[in-house]
C-alpha atoms as a PDB file:
ATOM      1  CA  MET A   1       0.000   0.000   0.000  1.00  0.00           C
ATOM      2  CA  PHE A   2       2.621   2.549   1.016  1.00  0.00           C
ATOM      3  CA  GLY A   3       4.666   2.491  -2.179  1.00  0.00           C
ATOM      4  CA  GLU A   4       1.607   2.564  -4.380  1.00  0.00           C
ATOM      5  CA  ILE A   5      -0.245   5.285  -2.477  1.00  0.00           C
ATOM      6  CA  TRP A   6       2.696   7.447  -1.443  1.00  0.00           C
ATOM      7  CA  SER A   7       4.168   7.566  -4.958  1.00  0.00           C
ATOM      8  CA  ARG A   8       0.986   8.653  -6.751  1.00  0.00           C
ATOM      9  CA  PRO A   9       1.152  11.926  -8.683  1.00  0.00           C
ATOM     10  CA  GLY A  10      -0.791  14.946  -7.498  1.00  0.00           C
ATOM     11  CA  LEU A  11       0.614  15.481  -3.996  1.00  0.00           C
ATOM     12  CA  ASN A  12       4.200  15.666  -2.867  1.00  0.00           C
ATOM     13  CA  LEU A  13       5.427  13.647   0.134  1.00  0.00           C
ATOM     14  CA  ARG A  14       5.189  16.645   2.467  1.00  0.00           C
ATOM     15  CA  ASP A  15       1.524  17.230   1.615  1.00  0.00           C
ATOM     16  CA  ARG A  16       0.741  13.524   1.873  1.00  0.00           C
ATOM     17  CA  GLU A  17       2.296  13.418   5.343  1.00  0.00           C
ATOM     18  CA  MET A  18       0.235  16.434   6.468  1.00  0.00           C
ATOM     19  CA  VAL A  19      -2.953  14.704   5.285  1.00  0.00           C
ATOM     20  CA  THR A  20      -1.867  11.472   6.975  1.00  0.00           C
ATOM     21  CA  LEU A  21      -1.242  13.286  10.260  1.00  0.00           C
ATOM     22  CA  ALA A  22      -4.711  14.818  10.097  1.00  0.00           C
ATOM     23  CA  ALA A  23      -6.276  11.400   9.500  1.00  0.00           C
ATOM     24  CA  LEU A  24      -4.315   9.827  12.360  1.00  0.00           C
ATOM     25  CA  ILE A  25      -5.380  12.623  14.710  1.00  0.00           C
ATOM     26  CA  MET A  26      -9.024  12.028  13.757  1.00  0.00           C
ATOM     27  CA  ASP A  27      -8.609   8.334  14.613  1.00  0.00           C
ATOM     28  CA  LYS A  28      -6.380   8.882  17.708  1.00  0.00           C
ATOM     29  CA  ALA A  29      -4.070   6.280  16.152  1.00  0.00           C
ATOM     30  CA  GLU A  30      -0.952   4.996  17.874  1.00  0.00           C
ATOM     31  CA  GLY A  31       1.082   5.265  14.652  1.00  0.00           C
ATOM     32  CA  MET A  32       0.939   9.014  14.996  1.00  0.00           C
ATOM     33  CA  THR A  33       4.380   9.392  16.622  1.00  0.00           C
ATOM     34  CA  LEU A  34       6.033   7.437  13.801  1.00  0.00           C
ATOM     35  CA  HIS A  35       4.439   9.744  11.243  1.00  0.00           C
ATOM     36  CA  MET A  36       5.372  12.824  13.264  1.00  0.00           C
ATOM     37  CA  ARG A  37       9.020  11.740  13.149  1.00  0.00           C
ATOM     38  CA  HIS A  38       8.729  11.139   9.400  1.00  0.00           C
ATOM     39  CA  ALA A  39       6.992  14.489   8.896  1.00  0.00           C
ATOM     40  CA  HIS A  40       9.828  16.271  10.682  1.00  0.00           C
ATOM     41  CA  LYS A  41      12.369  14.551   8.427  1.00  0.00           C
ATOM     42  CA  LEU A  42      10.372  15.803   5.419  1.00  0.00           C
ATOM     43  CA  GLY A  43      10.741  19.377   6.651  1.00  0.00           C
ATOM     44  CA  ILE A  44       7.415  19.810   8.413  1.00  0.00           C
ATOM     45  CA  SER A  45       8.148  21.826  11.519  1.00  0.00           C
ATOM     46  CA  PHE A  46       6.826  20.919  14.943  1.00  0.00           C
ATOM     47  CA  ASP A  47       5.014  24.252  14.931  1.00  0.00           C
ATOM     48  CA  GLU A  48       3.257  23.288  11.689  1.00  0.00           C
ATOM     49  CA  MET A  49       2.281  19.948  13.215  1.00  0.00           C
ATOM     50  CA  ARG A  50       0.884  21.776  16.241  1.00  0.00           C
ATOM     51  CA  GLU A  51      -1.255  23.899  13.908  1.00  0.00           C
ATOM     52  CA  VAL A  52      -2.510  20.783  12.102  1.00  0.00           C
ATOM     53  CA  ILE A  53      -3.501  19.371  15.497  1.00  0.00           C
ATOM     54  CA  PHE A  54      -5.344  22.552  16.493  1.00  0.00           C
ATOM     55  CA  GLN A  55      -7.120  22.676  13.123  1.00  0.00           C
ATOM     56  CA  VAL A  56      -8.214  19.034  13.313  1.00  0.00           C
ATOM     57  CA  MET A  57      -9.098  19.200  17.020  1.00  0.00           C
ATOM     58  CA  TYR A  58     -12.011  21.501  16.249  1.00  0.00           C
ATOM     59  CA  TYR A  59     -13.565  18.746  14.124  1.00  0.00           C
ATOM     60  CA  ALA A  60     -12.257  15.631  15.905  1.00  0.00           C
ATOM     61  CA  GLY A  61     -12.731  16.699  19.501  1.00  0.00           C
ATOM     62  CA  GLN A  62     -10.589  17.914  22.346  1.00  0.00           C
ATOM     63  CA  ALA A  63      -9.601  14.457  23.626  1.00  0.00           C
ATOM     64  CA  LYS A  64      -8.102  13.490  20.267  1.00  0.00           C
ATOM     65  CA  GLY A  65      -6.316  16.811  19.985  1.00  0.00           C
ATOM     66  CA  LEU A  66      -4.820  16.505  23.461  1.00  0.00           C
ATOM     67  CA  PHE A  67      -3.676  12.955  22.676  1.00  0.00           C
ATOM     68  CA  ALA A  68      -1.983  14.272  19.530  1.00  0.00           C
ATOM     69  CA  ILE A  69      -0.293  17.103  21.456  1.00  0.00           C
ATOM     70  CA  ARG A  70       1.088  14.569  23.953  1.00  0.00           C
ATOM     71  CA  CYS A  71       2.438  12.475  21.055  1.00  0.00           C
ATOM     72  CA  LEU A  72       4.017  15.558  19.499  1.00  0.00           C
ATOM     73  CA  LYS A  73       5.631  16.568  22.786  1.00  0.00           C
ATOM     74  CA  ARG A  74       7.175  13.078  23.113  1.00  0.00           C
ATOM     75  CA  VAL A  75       8.631  13.339  19.600  1.00  0.00           C
ATOM     76  CA  MET A  76       9.910  16.838  20.319  1.00  0.00           C
ATOM     77  CA  GLN A  77      11.591  15.666  23.538  1.00  0.00           C
ATOM     78  CA  GLU A  78      13.512  13.099  21.490  1.00  0.00           C
ATOM     79  CA  THR A  79      15.068  15.945  19.500  1.00  0.00           C
ATOM     80  CA  GLY A  80      15.311  18.521  22.284  1.00  0.00           C
ATOM     81  CA  ALA A  81      12.959  20.839  20.375  1.00  0.00           C
ATOM     82  CA  THR A  82      10.536  23.370  21.849  1.00  0.00           C
ATOM     83  CA  PHE A  83       7.563  25.191  20.391  1.00  0.00           C
ATOM     84  CA  ALA A  84       8.008  28.682  19.024  1.00  0.00           C
ATOM     85  CA  PRO A  85       5.702  31.176  20.732  1.00  0.00           C
ATOM     86  CA  ILE A  86       2.360  31.737  19.036  1.00  0.00           C
ATOM     87  CA  VAL A  87       2.213  35.292  17.690  1.00  0.00           C
ATOM     88  CA  LYS A  88      -1.160  36.574  16.527  1.00  0.00           C
ATOM     89  CA  LYS A  89      -1.172  39.147  13.742  1.00  0.00           C
END
């Protein structure tokens, strides 16, 4: 499945990973941390992942969003990363 789906034309790997993260958040799936690590290697920042979580949480529910934030924090701890402050314009 992965080779066939992930290599289709129309979306690049970065976009596919963002969509995958959103789907995993909706399902509160355990594979989320693996995909968060992969997303970071593709150049998706932890701040961008946080925004995906906040966007999806509105539709998926607070419990799923909080689960996703905990997963993201675990992945960030592995790299020693911290969130950039949120600045509203």
